[in-house]
PDB file of N, CA and C in Angstrom:
ATOM      1  N   MET A   1     -50.570  13.928 -47.745  1.00  0.00           N
ATOM      2  CA  MET A   1     -49.289  13.251 -47.925  1.00  0.00           C
ATOM      3  C   MET A   1     -48.663  13.610 -49.273  1.00  0.00           C
ATOM      4  N   ALA A   2     -49.480  13.937 -50.242  1.00  0.00           N
ATOM      5  CA  ALA A   2     -48.958  14.243 -51.574  1.00  0.00           C
ATOM      6  C   ALA A   2     -48.508  15.695 -51.709  1.00  0.00           C
ATOM      7  N   LYS A   3     -48.775  16.494 -50.703  1.00  0.00           N
ATOM      8  CA  LYS A   3     -48.468  17.923 -50.790  1.00  0.00           C
ATOM      9  C   LYS A   3     -47.002  18.195 -51.126  1.00  0.00           C
ATOM     10  N   PRO A   4     -46.015  17.555 -50.472  1.00  0.00           N
ATOM     11  CA  PRO A   4     -44.619  17.855 -50.826  1.00  0.00           C
ATOM     12  C   PRO A   4     -44.313  17.573 -52.304  1.00  0.00           C
ATOM     13  N   TYR A   5     -44.897  16.521 -52.833  1.00  0.00           N
ATOM     14  CA  TYR A   5     -44.665  16.190 -54.240  1.00  0.00           C
ATOM     15  C   TYR A   5     -45.318  17.212 -55.173  1.00  0.00           C
ATOM     16  N   MET A   6     -46.526  17.637 -54.794  1.00  0.00           N
ATOM     17  CA  MET A   6     -47.216  18.635 -55.618  1.00  0.00           C
ATOM     18  C   MET A   6     -46.463  19.972 -55.586  1.00  0.00           C
ATOM     19  N   ASP A   7     -45.980  20.348 -54.399  1.00  0.00           N
ATOM     20  CA  ASP A   7     -45.212  21.595 -54.293  1.00  0.00           C
ATOM     21  C   ASP A   7     -43.973  21.525 -55.179  1.00  0.00           C
ATOM     22  N   ARG A   8     -43.344  20.386 -55.185  1.00  0.00           N
ATOM     23  CA  ARG A   8     -42.132  20.213 -55.995  1.00  0.00           C
ATOM     24  C   ARG A   8     -42.447  20.347 -57.483  1.00  0.00           C
ATOM     25  N   LEU A   9     -43.561  19.759 -57.882  1.00  0.00           N
ATOM     26  CA  LEU A   9     -43.949  19.845 -59.290  1.00  0.00           C
ATOM     27  C   LEU A   9     -44.316  21.275 -59.680  1.00  0.00           C
ATOM     28  N   LEU A  10     -45.033  21.957 -58.803  1.00  0.00           N
ATOM     29  CA  LEU A  10     -45.477  23.307 -59.116  1.00  0.00           C
ATOM     30  C   LEU A  10     -44.328  24.308 -59.124  1.00  0.00           C
ATOM     31  N   LYS A  11     -43.251  24.025 -58.395  1.00  0.00           N
ATOM     32  CA  LYS A  11     -42.125  24.954 -58.316  1.00  0.00           C
ATOM     33  C   LYS A  11     -41.204  24.871 -59.532  1.00  0.00           C
ATOM     34  N   ARG A  12     -41.341  23.825 -60.327  1.00  0.00           N
ATOM     35  CA  ARG A  12     -40.417  23.701 -61.458  1.00  0.00           C
ATOM     36  C   ARG A  12     -40.647  24.844 -62.437  1.00  0.00           C
ATOM     37  N   GLY A  13     -39.556  25.327 -62.988  1.00  0.00           N
ATOM     38  CA  GLY A  13     -39.625  26.469 -63.884  1.00  0.00           C
ATOM     39  C   GLY A  13     -40.143  26.114 -65.260  1.00  0.00           C
ATOM     40  N   GLU A  14     -40.402  27.139 -66.041  1.00  0.00           N
ATOM     41  CA  GLU A  14     -40.906  26.977 -67.405  1.00  0.00           C
ATOM     42  C   GLU A  14     -39.838  26.268 -68.239  1.00  0.00           C
ATOM     43  N   GLY A  15     -40.205  25.240 -68.923  1.00  0.00           N
ATOM     44  CA  GLY A  15     -39.288  24.532 -69.803  1.00  0.00           C
ATOM     45  C   GLY A  15     -38.465  23.462 -69.109  1.00  0.00           C
ATOM     46  N   GLU A  16     -38.537  23.372 -67.785  1.00  0.00           N
ATOM     47  CA  GLU A  16     -37.796  22.335 -67.083  1.00  0.00           C
ATOM     48  C   GLU A  16     -38.552  21.021 -67.204  1.00  0.00           C
ATOM     49  N   PRO A  17     -37.839  19.936 -67.266  1.00  0.00           N
ATOM     50  CA  PRO A  17     -38.532  18.645 -67.377  1.00  0.00           C
ATOM     51  C   PRO A  17     -39.248  18.304 -66.072  1.00  0.00           C
ATOM     52  N   ALA A  18     -40.243  17.485 -66.197  1.00  0.00           N
ATOM     53  CA  ALA A  18     -40.967  17.039 -64.999  1.00  0.00           C
ATOM     54  C   ALA A  18     -40.003  16.240 -64.137  1.00  0.00           C
ATOM     55  N   ASP A  19     -40.291  16.139 -62.884  1.00  0.00           N
ATOM     56  CA  ASP A  19     -39.426  15.457 -61.931  1.00  0.00           C
ATOM     57  C   ASP A  19     -39.564  13.950 -62.136  1.00  0.00           C
ATOM     58  N   GLN A  20     -38.741  13.391 -62.984  1.00  0.00           N
ATOM     59  CA  GLN A  20     -38.843  11.980 -63.319  1.00  0.00           C
ATOM     60  C   GLN A  20     -38.071  11.092 -62.350  1.00  0.00           C
ATOM     61  N   GLU A  21     -37.153  11.693 -61.515  1.00  0.00           N
ATOM     62  CA  GLU A  21     -36.349  10.855 -60.633  1.00  0.00           C
ATOM     63  C   GLU A  21     -37.155  10.314 -59.455  1.00  0.00           C
ATOM     64  N   SER A  22     -38.290  10.921 -59.147  1.00  0.00           N
ATOM     65  CA  SER A  22     -39.083  10.473 -58.002  1.00  0.00           C
ATOM     66  C   SER A  22     -39.869   9.245 -58.382  1.00  0.00           C
ATOM     67  N   ASN A  23     -40.053   8.398 -57.378  1.00  0.00           N
ATOM     68  CA  ASN A  23     -40.841   7.184 -57.652  1.00  0.00           C
ATOM     69  C   ASN A  23     -42.311   7.402 -57.307  1.00  0.00           C
ATOM     70  N   TRP A  24     -42.627   8.531 -56.711  1.00  0.00           N
ATOM     71  CA  TRP A  24     -43.981   8.934 -56.419  1.00  0.00           C
ATOM     72  C   TRP A  24     -44.749   7.923 -55.561  1.00  0.00           C
ATOM     73  N   LEU A  25     -44.008   7.208 -54.759  1.00  0.00           N
ATOM     74  CA  LEU A  25     -44.642   6.259 -53.847  1.00  0.00           C
ATOM     75  C   LEU A  25     -44.948   7.001 -52.555  1.00  0.00           C
ATOM     76  N   ILE A  26     -46.168   6.977 -52.163  1.00  0.00           N
ATOM     77  CA  ILE A  26     -46.578   7.648 -50.932  1.00  0.00           C
ATOM     78  C   ILE A  26     -46.852   6.572 -49.895  1.00  0.00           C
ATOM     79  N   THR A  27     -46.082   6.633 -48.808  1.00  0.00           N
ATOM     80  CA  THR A  27     -46.227   5.647 -47.747  1.00  0.00           C
ATOM     81  C   THR A  27     -47.007   6.282 -46.600  1.00  0.00           C
ATOM     82  N   PRO A  28     -48.120   5.716 -46.228  1.00  0.00           N
ATOM     83  CA  PRO A  28     -48.887   6.291 -45.135  1.00  0.00           C
ATOM     84  C   PRO A  28     -48.109   6.188 -43.817  1.00  0.00           C
ATOM     85  N   LEU A  29     -48.324   7.161 -42.946  1.00  0.00           N
ATOM     86  CA  LEU A  29     -47.657   7.168 -41.655  1.00  0.00           C
ATOM     87  C   LEU A  29     -48.218   6.068 -40.772  1.00  0.00           C
ATOM     88  N   SER A  30     -47.384   5.567 -39.879  1.00  0.00           N
ATOM     89  CA  SER A  30     -47.861   4.524 -38.967  1.00  0.00           C
ATOM     90  C   SER A  30     -48.818   5.148 -37.951  1.00  0.00           C
ATOM     91  N   GLU A  31     -49.641   4.300 -37.355  1.00  0.00           N
ATOM     92  CA  GLU A  31     -50.613   4.773 -36.378  1.00  0.00           C
ATOM     93  C   GLU A  31     -49.909   5.394 -35.178  1.00  0.00           C
ATOM     94  N   GLU A  32     -48.742   4.851 -34.829  1.00  0.00           N
ATOM     95  CA  GLU A  32     -47.986   5.379 -33.687  1.00  0.00           C
ATOM     96  C   GLU A  32     -47.506   6.810 -33.957  1.00  0.00           C
ATOM     97  N   VAL A  33     -47.004   7.053 -35.179  1.00  0.00           N
ATOM     98  CA  VAL A  33     -46.534   8.392 -35.534  1.00  0.00           C
ATOM     99  C   VAL A  33     -47.699   9.366 -35.565  1.00  0.00           C
ATOM    100  N   VAL A  34     -48.827   8.945 -36.099  1.00  0.00           N
ATOM    101  CA  VAL A  34     -50.014   9.794 -36.150  1.00  0.00           C
ATOM    102  C   VAL A  34     -50.477  10.117 -34.729  1.00  0.00           C
ATOM    103  N   ALA A  35     -50.476   9.115 -33.837  1.00  0.00           N
ATOM    104  CA  ALA A  35     -50.899   9.327 -32.452  1.00  0.00           C
ATOM    105  C   ALA A  35     -49.947  10.296 -31.753  1.00  0.00           C
ATOM    106  N   GLN A  36     -48.638  10.162 -32.008  1.00  0.00           N
ATOM    107  CA  GLN A  36     -47.667  11.074 -31.401  1.00  0.00           C
ATOM    108  C   GLN A  36     -47.879  12.509 -31.892  1.00  0.00           C
ATOM    109  N   ALA A  37     -48.129  12.647 -33.171  1.00  0.00           N
ATOM    110  CA  ALA A  37     -48.357  13.979 -33.736  1.00  0.00           C
ATOM    111  C   ALA A  37     -49.633  14.594 -33.156  1.00  0.00           C
ATOM    112  N   GLN A  38     -50.672  13.793 -33.034  1.00  0.00           N
ATOM    113  CA  GLN A  38     -51.924  14.302 -32.467  1.00  0.00           C
ATOM    114  C   GLN A  38     -51.746  14.685 -31.000  1.00  0.00           C
ATOM    115  N   ALA A  39     -50.986  13.894 -30.247  1.00  0.00           N
ATOM    116  CA  ALA A  39     -50.739  14.206 -28.836  1.00  0.00           C
ATOM    117  C   ALA A  39     -49.918  15.493 -28.715  1.00  0.00           C
ATOM    118  N   ALA A  40     -48.926  15.659 -29.598  1.00  0.00           N
ATOM    119  CA  ALA A  40     -48.110  16.876 -29.572  1.00  0.00           C
ATOM    120  C   ALA A  40     -48.974  18.098 -29.902  1.00  0.00           C
ATOM    121  N   LYS A  41     -49.852  17.968 -30.886  1.00  0.00           N
ATOM    122  CA  LYS A  41     -50.736  19.074 -31.256  1.00  0.00           C
ATOM    123  C   LYS A  41     -51.689  19.400 -30.107  1.00  0.00           C
ATOM    124  N   LYS A  42     -52.221  18.373 -29.461  1.00  0.00           N
ATOM    125  CA  LYS A  42     -53.137  18.596 -28.349  1.00  0.00           C
ATOM    126  C   LYS A  42     -52.406  19.316 -27.210  1.00  0.00           C
ATOM    127  N   GLY A  43     -51.173  18.898 -26.924  1.00  0.00           N
ATOM    128  CA  GLY A  43     -50.383  19.549 -25.874  1.00  0.00           C
ATOM    129  C   GLY A  43     -50.098  21.003 -26.207  1.00  0.00           C
ATOM    130  N   ALA A  44     -49.744  21.243 -27.466  1.00  0.00           N
ATOM    131  CA  ALA A  44     -49.470  22.617 -27.895  1.00  0.00           C
ATOM    132  C   ALA A  44     -50.728  23.468 -27.812  1.00  0.00           C
ATOM    133  N   ASP A  45     -51.868  22.916 -28.197  1.00  0.00           N
ATOM    134  CA  ASP A  45     -53.135  23.653 -28.123  1.00  0.00           C
ATOM    135  C   ASP A  45     -53.495  23.972 -26.668  1.00  0.00           C
ATOM    136  N   GLU A  46     -53.273  23.000 -25.772  1.00  0.00           N
ATOM    137  CA  GLU A  46     -53.573  23.226 -24.356  1.00  0.00           C
ATOM    138  C   GLU A  46     -52.654  24.304 -23.769  1.00  0.00           C
ATOM    139  N   THR A  47     -51.369  24.262 -24.132  1.00  0.00           N
ATOM    140  CA  THR A  47     -50.416  25.267 -23.645  1.00  0.00           C
ATOM    141  C   THR A  47     -50.808  26.648 -24.148  1.00  0.00           C
ATOM    142  N   LEU A  48     -51.179  26.730 -25.418  1.00  0.00           N
ATOM    143  CA  LEU A  48     -51.596  28.010 -25.987  1.00  0.00           C
ATOM    144  C   LEU A  48     -52.851  28.534 -25.293  1.00  0.00           C
ATOM    145  N   ALA A  49     -53.819  27.668 -25.065  1.00  0.00           N
ATOM    146  CA  ALA A  49     -55.050  28.077 -24.388  1.00  0.00           C
ATOM    147  C   ALA A  49     -54.745  28.543 -22.964  1.00  0.00           C
ATOM    148  N   LYS A  50     -53.829  27.849 -22.281  1.00  0.00           N
ATOM    149  CA  LYS A  50     -53.457  28.238 -20.922  1.00  0.00           C
ATOM    150  C   LYS A  50     -52.791  29.612 -20.918  1.00  0.00           C
ATOM    151  N   ARG A  51     -51.881  29.847 -21.855  1.00  0.00           N
ATOM    152  CA  ARG A  51     -51.205  31.147 -21.936  1.00  0.00           C
ATOM    153  C   ARG A  51     -52.201  32.271 -22.233  1.00  0.00           C
ATOM    154  N   LYS A  52     -53.143  32.017 -23.143  1.00  0.00           N
ATOM    155  CA  LYS A  52     -54.164  33.025 -23.451  1.00  0.00           C
ATOM    156  C   LYS A  52     -55.012  33.331 -22.227  1.00  0.00           C
ATOM    157  N   ALA A  53     -55.377  32.286 -21.476  1.00  0.00           N
ATOM    158  CA  ALA A  53     -56.188  32.491 -20.272  1.00  0.00           C
ATOM    159  C   ALA A  53     -55.406  33.283 -19.230  1.00  0.00           C
ATOM    160  N   GLU A  54     -54.109  32.989 -19.072  1.00  0.00           N
ATOM    161  CA  GLU A  54     -53.269  33.736 -18.133  1.00  0.00           C
ATOM    162  C   GLU A  54     -53.158  35.199 -18.552  1.00  0.00           C
ATOM    163  N   LYS A  55     -53.008  35.430 -19.845  1.00  0.00           N
ATOM    164  CA  LYS A  55     -52.898  36.801 -20.347  1.00  0.00           C
ATOM    165  C   LYS A  55     -54.197  37.569 -20.097  1.00  0.00           C
ATOM    166  N   ARG A  56     -55.342  36.923 -20.354  1.00  0.00           N
ATOM    167  CA  ARG A  56     -56.631  37.571 -20.099  1.00  0.00           C
ATOM    168  C   ARG A  56     -56.795  37.873 -18.614  1.00  0.00           C
ATOM    169  N   ALA A  57     -56.396  36.932 -17.751  1.00  0.00           N
ATOM    170  CA  ALA A  57     -56.523  37.132 -16.307  1.00  0.00           C
ATOM    171  C   ALA A  57     -55.632  38.280 -15.839  1.00  0.00           C
ATOM    172  N   LYS A  58     -54.413  38.356 -16.374  1.00  0.00           N
ATOM    173  CA  LYS A  58     -53.496  39.439 -15.995  1.00  0.00           C
ATOM    174  C   LYS A  58     -54.049  40.784 -16.443  1.00  0.00           C
ATOM    175  N   LYS A  59     -54.581  40.825 -17.672  1.00  0.00           N
ATOM    176  CA  LYS A  59     -55.158  42.068 -18.184  1.00  0.00           C
ATOM    177  C   LYS A  59     -56.346  42.501 -17.321  1.00  0.00           C
ATOM    178  N   LYS A  60     -57.170  41.545 -16.917  1.00  0.00           N
ATOM    179  CA  LYS A  60     -58.328  41.847 -16.088  1.00  0.00           C
ATOM    180  C   LYS A  60     -57.875  42.348 -14.709  1.00  0.00           C
ATOM    181  N   ALA A  61     -56.843  41.715 -14.142  1.00  0.00           N
ATOM    182  CA  ALA A  61     -56.330  42.135 -12.835  1.00  0.00           C
ATOM    183  C   ALA A  61     -55.723  43.535 -12.911  1.00  0.00           C
ATOM    184  N   ASP A  62     -54.963  43.799 -13.990  1.00  0.00           N
ATOM    185  CA  ASP A  62     -54.370  45.130 -14.170  1.00  0.00           C
ATOM    186  C   ASP A  62     -55.458  46.194 -14.279  1.00  0.00           C
ATOM    187  N   LYS A  63     -56.528  45.879 -14.996  1.00  0.00           N
ATOM    188  CA  LYS A  63     -57.631  46.834 -15.145  1.00  0.00           C
ATOM    189  C   LYS A  63     -58.307  47.076 -13.803  1.00  0.00           C
ATOM    190  N   ALA A  64     -58.479  46.015 -13.008  1.00  0.00           N
ATOM    191  CA  ALA A  64     -59.108  46.160 -11.699  1.00  0.00           C
ATOM    192  C   ALA A  64     -58.247  47.045 -10.791  1.00  0.00           C
ATOM    193  N   VAL A  65     -56.925  46.862 -10.838  1.00  0.00           N
ATOM    194  CA  VAL A  65     -56.023  47.692 -10.035  1.00  0.00           C
ATOM    195  C   VAL A  65     -56.106  49.147 -10.483  1.00  0.00           C
ATOM    196  N   ALA A  66     -56.112  49.378 -11.788  1.00  0.00           N
ATOM    197  CA  ALA A  66     -56.205  50.747 -12.316  1.00  0.00           C
ATOM    198  C   ALA A  66     -57.544  51.380 -11.940  1.00  0.00           C
ATOM    199  N   ASP A  67     -58.630  50.613 -12.022  1.00  0.00           N
ATOM    200  CA  ASP A  67     -59.950  51.135 -11.660  1.00  0.00           C
ATOM    201  C   ASP A  67     -60.004  51.486 -10.172  1.00  0.00           C
ATOM    202  N   LYS A  68     -59.395  50.641  -9.328  1.00  0.00           N
ATOM    203  CA  LYS A  68     -59.380  50.904  -7.889  1.00  0.00           C
ATOM    204  C   LYS A  68     -58.553  52.150  -7.588  1.00  0.00           C
ATOM    205  N   ALA A  69     -57.417  52.295  -8.269  1.00  0.00           N
ATOM    206  CA  ALA A  69     -56.587  53.479  -8.062  1.00  0.00           C
ATOM    207  C   ALA A  69     -57.339  54.744  -8.466  1.00  0.00           C
ATOM    208  N   ALA A  70     -58.080  54.657  -9.562  1.00  0.00           N
ATOM    209  CA  ALA A  70     -58.864  55.813 -10.013  1.00  0.00           C
ATOM    210  C   ALA A  70     -59.994  56.123  -9.032  1.00  0.00           C
ATOM    211  N   ALA A  71     -60.600  55.088  -8.464  1.00  0.00           N
ATOM    212  CA  ALA A  71     -61.694  55.292  -7.511  1.00  0.00           C
ATOM    213  C   ALA A  71     -61.172  55.870  -6.193  1.00  0.00           C
ATOM    214  N   ASP A  72     -59.951  55.464  -5.789  1.00  0.00           N
ATOM    215  CA  ASP A  72     -59.366  55.942  -4.539  1.00  0.00           C
ATOM    216  C   ASP A  72     -58.822  57.360  -4.644  1.00  0.00           C
ATOM    217  N   LYS A  73     -58.616  57.828  -5.846  1.00  0.00           N
ATOM    218  CA  LYS A  73     -58.058  59.163  -6.055  1.00  0.00           C
ATOM    219  C   LYS A  73     -59.103  60.206  -5.658  1.00  0.00           C
ATOM    220  N   PRO A  74     -58.699  61.209  -4.874  1.00  0.00           N
ATOM    221  CA  PRO A  74     -59.687  62.212  -4.468  1.00  0.00           C
ATOM    222  C   PRO A  74     -60.189  62.999  -5.673  1.00  0.00           C
ATOM    223  N   PRO A  75     -61.443  63.435  -5.612  1.00  0.00           N
ATOM    224  CA  PRO A  75     -61.972  64.202  -6.745  1.00  0.00           C
ATOM    225  C   PRO A  75     -61.255  65.543  -6.871  1.00  0.00           C
ATOM    226  N   VAL A  76     -61.151  66.015  -8.078  1.00  0.00           N
ATOM    227  CA  VAL A  76     -60.474  67.275  -8.350  1.00  0.00           C
ATOM    228  C   VAL A  76     -61.435  68.422  -8.058  1.00  0.00           C
ATOM    229  N   ASP A  77     -60.952  69.403  -7.283  1.00  0.00           N
ATOM    230  CA  ASP A  77     -61.746  70.582  -6.955  1.00  0.00           C
ATOM    231  C   ASP A  77     -61.546  71.592  -8.088  1.00  0.00           C
ATOM    232  N   LYS A  78     -62.552  71.725  -8.944  1.00  0.00           N
ATOM    233  CA  LYS A  78     -62.438  72.590 -10.118  1.00  0.00           C
ATOM    234  C   LYS A  78     -62.188  74.036  -9.716  1.00  0.00           C
ATOM    235  N   ALA A  79     -62.808  74.490  -8.642  1.00  0.00           N
ATOM    236  CA  ALA A  79     -62.616  75.874  -8.196  1.00  0.00           C
ATOM    237  C   ALA A  79     -61.159  76.094  -7.792  1.00  0.00           C
ATOM    238  N   ALA A  80     -60.570  75.105  -7.121  1.00  0.00           N
ATOM    239  CA  ALA A  80     -59.169  75.235  -6.702  1.00  0.00           C
ATOM    240  C   ALA A  80     -58.249  75.260  -7.914  1.00  0.00           C
ATOM    241  N   VAL A  81     -58.571  74.451  -8.903  1.00  0.00           N
ATOM    242  CA  VAL A  81     -57.757  74.421 -10.122  1.00  0.00           C
ATOM    243  C   VAL A  81     -57.844  75.765 -10.844  1.00  0.00           C
ATOM    244  N   ASP A  82     -59.062  76.305 -10.938  1.00  0.00           N
ATOM    245  CA  ASP A  82     -59.244  77.605 -11.600  1.00  0.00           C
ATOM    246  C   ASP A  82     -58.506  78.712 -10.842  1.00  0.00           C
ATOM    247  N   LYS A  83     -58.572  78.678  -9.501  1.00  0.00           N
ATOM    248  CA  LYS A  83     -57.882  79.684  -8.695  1.00  0.00           C
ATOM    249  C   LYS A  83     -56.374  79.569  -8.887  1.00  0.00           C
ATOM    250  N   ALA A  84     -55.865  78.340  -8.935  1.00  0.00           N
ATOM    251  CA  ALA A  84     -54.428  78.135  -9.146  1.00  0.00           C
ATOM    252  C   ALA A  84     -54.010  78.676 -10.509  1.00  0.00           C
ATOM    253  N   ALA A  85     -54.846  78.492 -11.524  1.00  0.00           N
ATOM    254  CA  ALA A  85     -54.536  79.014 -12.861  1.00  0.00           C
ATOM    255  C   ALA A  85     -54.495  80.540 -12.848  1.00  0.00           C
ATOM    256  N   VAL A  86     -55.440  81.159 -12.144  1.00  0.00           N
ATOM    257  CA  VAL A  86     -55.467  82.624 -12.041  1.00  0.00           C
ATOM    258  C   VAL A  86     -54.231  83.104 -11.290  1.00  0.00           C
ATOM    259  N   ASP A  87     -53.905  82.426 -10.174  1.00  0.00           N
ATOM    260  CA  ASP A  87     -52.719  82.801  -9.393  1.00  0.00           C
ATOM    261  C   ASP A  87     -51.454  82.677 -10.237  1.00  0.00           C
ATOM    262  N   LYS A  88     -51.347  81.621 -11.025  1.00  0.00           N
ATOM    263  CA  LYS A  88     -50.166  81.424 -11.868  1.00  0.00           C
ATOM    264  C   LYS A  88     -50.078  82.525 -12.913  1.00  0.00           C
ATOM    265  N   ALA A  89     -51.210  82.885 -13.495  1.00  0.00           N
ATOM    266  CA  ALA A  89     -51.225  83.969 -14.492  1.00  0.00           C
ATOM    267  C   ALA A  89     -50.765  85.270 -13.849  1.00  0.00           C
ATOM    268  N   ALA A  90     -51.203  85.532 -12.617  1.00  0.00           N
ATOM    269  CA  ALA A  90     -50.794  86.758 -11.920  1.00  0.00           C
ATOM    270  C   ALA A  90     -49.289  86.746 -11.641  1.00  0.00           C
ATOM    271  N   VAL A  91     -48.759  85.605 -11.217  1.00  0.00           N
ATOM    272  CA  VAL A  91     -47.321  85.486 -10.955  1.00  0.00           C
ATOM    273  C   VAL A  91     -46.532  85.674 -12.252  1.00  0.00           C
ATOM    274  N   ASP A  92     -47.004  85.068 -13.335  1.00  0.00           N
ATOM    275  CA  ASP A  92     -46.324  85.217 -14.631  1.00  0.00           C
ATOM    276  C   ASP A  92     -46.333  86.686 -15.075  1.00  0.00           C
ATOM    277  N   LYS A  93     -47.463  87.379 -14.883  1.00  0.00           N
ATOM    278  CA  LYS A  93     -47.547  88.783 -15.287  1.00  0.00           C
ATOM    279  C   LYS A  93     -46.609  89.630 -14.436  1.00  0.00           C
ATOM    280  N   ALA A  94     -46.545  89.356 -13.134  1.00  0.00           N
ATOM    281  CA  ALA A  94     -45.648  90.111 -12.247  1.00  0.00           C
ATOM    282  C   ALA A  94     -44.196  89.893 -12.653  1.00  0.00           C
ATOM    283  N   ALA A  95     -43.847  88.672 -13.024  1.00  0.00           N
ATOM    284  CA  ALA A  95     -42.479  88.386 -13.455  1.00  0.00           C
ATOM    285  C   ALA A  95     -42.161  89.123 -14.756  1.00  0.00           C
ATOM    286  N   ALA A  96     -43.119  89.147 -15.675  1.00  0.00           N
ATOM    287  CA  ALA A  96     -42.911  89.851 -16.942  1.00  0.00           C
ATOM    288  C   ALA A  96     -42.767  91.355 -16.693  1.00  0.00           C
ATOM    289  N   ASP A  97     -43.585  91.901 -15.795  1.00  0.00           N
ATOM    290  CA  ASP A  97     -43.494  93.328 -15.464  1.00  0.00           C
ATOM    291  C   ASP A  97     -42.138  93.650 -14.825  1.00  0.00           C
ATOM    292  N   LYS A  98     -41.682  92.779 -13.930  1.00  0.00           N
ATOM    293  CA  LYS A  98     -40.385  92.993 -13.269  1.00  0.00           C
ATOM    294  C   LYS A  98     -39.262  92.969 -14.300  1.00  0.00           C
ATOM    295  N   ALA A  99     -39.328  92.034 -15.251  1.00  0.00           N
ATOM    296  CA  ALA A  99     -38.312  91.949 -16.298  1.00  0.00           C
ATOM    297  C   ALA A  99     -38.328  93.212 -17.155  1.00  0.00           C
ATOM    298  N   ALA A 100     -39.518  93.740 -17.455  1.00  0.00           N
ATOM    299  CA  ALA A 100     -39.619  94.954 -18.267  1.00  0.00           C
ATOM    300  C   ALA A 100     -39.035  96.151 -17.521  1.00  0.00           C
ATOM    301  N   VAL A 101     -39.315  96.239 -16.225  1.00  0.00           N
ATOM    302  CA  VAL A 101     -38.764  97.338 -15.419  1.00  0.00           C
ATOM    303  C   VAL A 101     -37.250  97.226 -15.353  1.00  0.00           C
ATOM    304  N   SER A 102     -36.733  96.022 -15.138  1.00  0.00           N
ATOM    305  CA  SER A 102     -35.280  95.822 -15.073  1.00  0.00           C
ATOM    306  C   SER A 102     -34.625  96.227 -16.384  1.00  0.00           C
ATOM    307  N   LYS A 103     -35.226  95.867 -17.500  1.00  0.00           N
ATOM    308  CA  LYS A 103     -34.668  96.232 -18.814  1.00  0.00           C
ATOM    309  C   LYS A 103     -34.682  97.748 -18.987  1.00  0.00           C
ATOM    310  N   ALA A 104     -35.760  98.390 -18.564  1.00  0.00           N
ATOM    311  CA  ALA A 104     -35.856  99.847 -18.689  1.00  0.00           C
ATOM    312  C   ALA A 104     -34.782 100.531 -17.842  1.00  0.00           C
ATOM    313  N   VAL A 105     -34.536 100.014 -16.640  1.00  0.00           N
ATOM    314  CA  VAL A 105     -33.500 100.590 -15.771  1.00  0.00           C
ATOM    315  C   VAL A 105     -32.137 100.431 -16.414  1.00  0.00           C
ATOM    316  N   VAL A 106     -31.860  99.261 -16.958  1.00  0.00           N
ATOM    317  CA  VAL A 106     -30.565  99.020 -17.620  1.00  0.00           C
ATOM    318  C   VAL A 106     -30.433  99.922 -18.837  1.00  0.00           C
ATOM    319  N   ASP A 107     -31.470 100.037 -19.637  1.00  0.00           N
ATOM    320  CA  ASP A 107     -31.416 100.888 -20.836  1.00  0.00           C
ATOM    321  C   ASP A 107     -31.160 102.350 -20.440  1.00  0.00           C
ATOM    322  N   LYS A 108     -31.806 102.815 -19.360  1.00  0.00           N
ATOM    323  CA  LYS A 108     -31.632 104.197 -18.922  1.00  0.00           C
ATOM    324  C   LYS A 108     -30.199 104.421 -18.424  1.00  0.00           C
ATOM    325  N   ALA A 109     -29.643 103.435 -17.696  1.00  0.00           N
ATOM    326  CA  ALA A 109     -28.278 103.559 -17.186  1.00  0.00           C
ATOM    327  C   ALA A 109     -27.282 103.574 -18.341  1.00  0.00           C
ATOM    328  N   VAL A 110     -27.487 102.764 -19.349  1.00  0.00           N
ATOM    329  CA  VAL A 110     -26.596 102.716 -20.509  1.00  0.00           C
ATOM    330  C   VAL A 110     -26.688 104.040 -21.267  1.00  0.00           C
ATOM    331  N   ALA A 111     -27.900 104.570 -21.406  1.00  0.00           N
ATOM    332  CA  ALA A 111     -28.076 105.837 -22.129  1.00  0.00           C
ATOM    333  C   ALA A 111     -27.372 106.973 -21.389  1.00  0.00           C
ATOM    334  N   ARG A 112     -27.417 106.992 -20.043  1.00  0.00           N
ATOM    335  CA  ARG A 112     -26.738 108.033 -19.273  1.00  0.00           C
ATOM    336  C   ARG A 112     -25.228 107.928 -19.425  1.00  0.00           C
ATOM    337  N   LYS A 113     -24.719 106.693 -19.432  1.00  0.00           N
ATOM    338  CA  LYS A 113     -23.268 106.504 -19.479  1.00  0.00           C
ATOM    339  C   LYS A 113     -22.720 106.715 -20.880  1.00  0.00           C
ATOM    340  N   PHE A 114     -23.409 106.227 -21.892  1.00  0.00           N
ATOM    341  CA  PHE A 114     -22.885 106.275 -23.252  1.00  0.00           C
ATOM    342  C   PHE A 114     -23.646 107.243 -24.165  1.00  0.00           C
ATOM    343  N   GLY A 115     -24.564 107.940 -23.662  1.00  0.00           N
ATOM    344  CA  GLY A 115     -25.331 108.852 -24.487  1.00  0.00           C
ATOM    345  C   GLY A 115     -26.398 108.097 -25.242  1.00  0.00           C
ATOM    346  N   ASN A 116     -26.627 108.477 -26.473  1.00  0.00           N
ATOM    347  CA  ASN A 116     -27.682 107.858 -27.261  1.00  0.00           C
ATOM    348  C   ASN A 116     -27.165 106.761 -28.195  1.00  0.00           C
ATOM    349  N   ILE A 117     -26.084 106.111 -27.830  1.00  0.00           N
ATOM    350  CA  ILE A 117     -25.546 105.018 -28.656  1.00  0.00           C
ATOM    351  C   ILE A 117     -26.465 103.801 -28.494  1.00  0.00           C
ATOM    352  N   LYS A 118     -26.883 103.273 -29.597  1.00  0.00           N
ATOM    353  CA  LYS A 118     -27.722 102.067 -29.587  1.00  0.00           C
ATOM    354  C   LYS A 118     -26.847 100.864 -29.937  1.00  0.00           C
ATOM    355  N   PHE A 119     -26.868  99.891 -29.134  1.00  0.00           N
ATOM    356  CA  PHE A 119     -26.110  98.669 -29.411  1.00  0.00           C
ATOM    357  C   PHE A 119     -26.982  97.705 -30.182  1.00  0.00           C
ATOM    358  N   PRO A 120     -26.394  96.940 -31.068  1.00  0.00           N
ATOM    359  CA  PRO A 120     -27.206  95.980 -31.836  1.00  0.00           C
ATOM    360  C   PRO A 120     -27.744  94.868 -30.968  1.00  0.00           C
TER     361      PRO A 120
END
């Protein structure tokens, strides 16, 4: 109960006079007010505990769904993946070779038409 008064005293600056206007009378709270405060705190604690339990349950359910989805997923065929990587590399190389041939054809056609002029 004295905390507000102590905070007020501690906050005063250097050289300021002590708080003489206060009568420093501390009146204890009535039993009814204390009971209401305790009931409000108990309700808030119960609500918080309920929310935490709901959050834990949701997290557990989400994990169970994710685990089931992972279990239902067919296993990856490593040989098929490796073959697909090799096939992709072959396709990429063929595309690069085709681009090189196309550039060579264009360069040869330009050289025939314009002689040995090099464009920047």
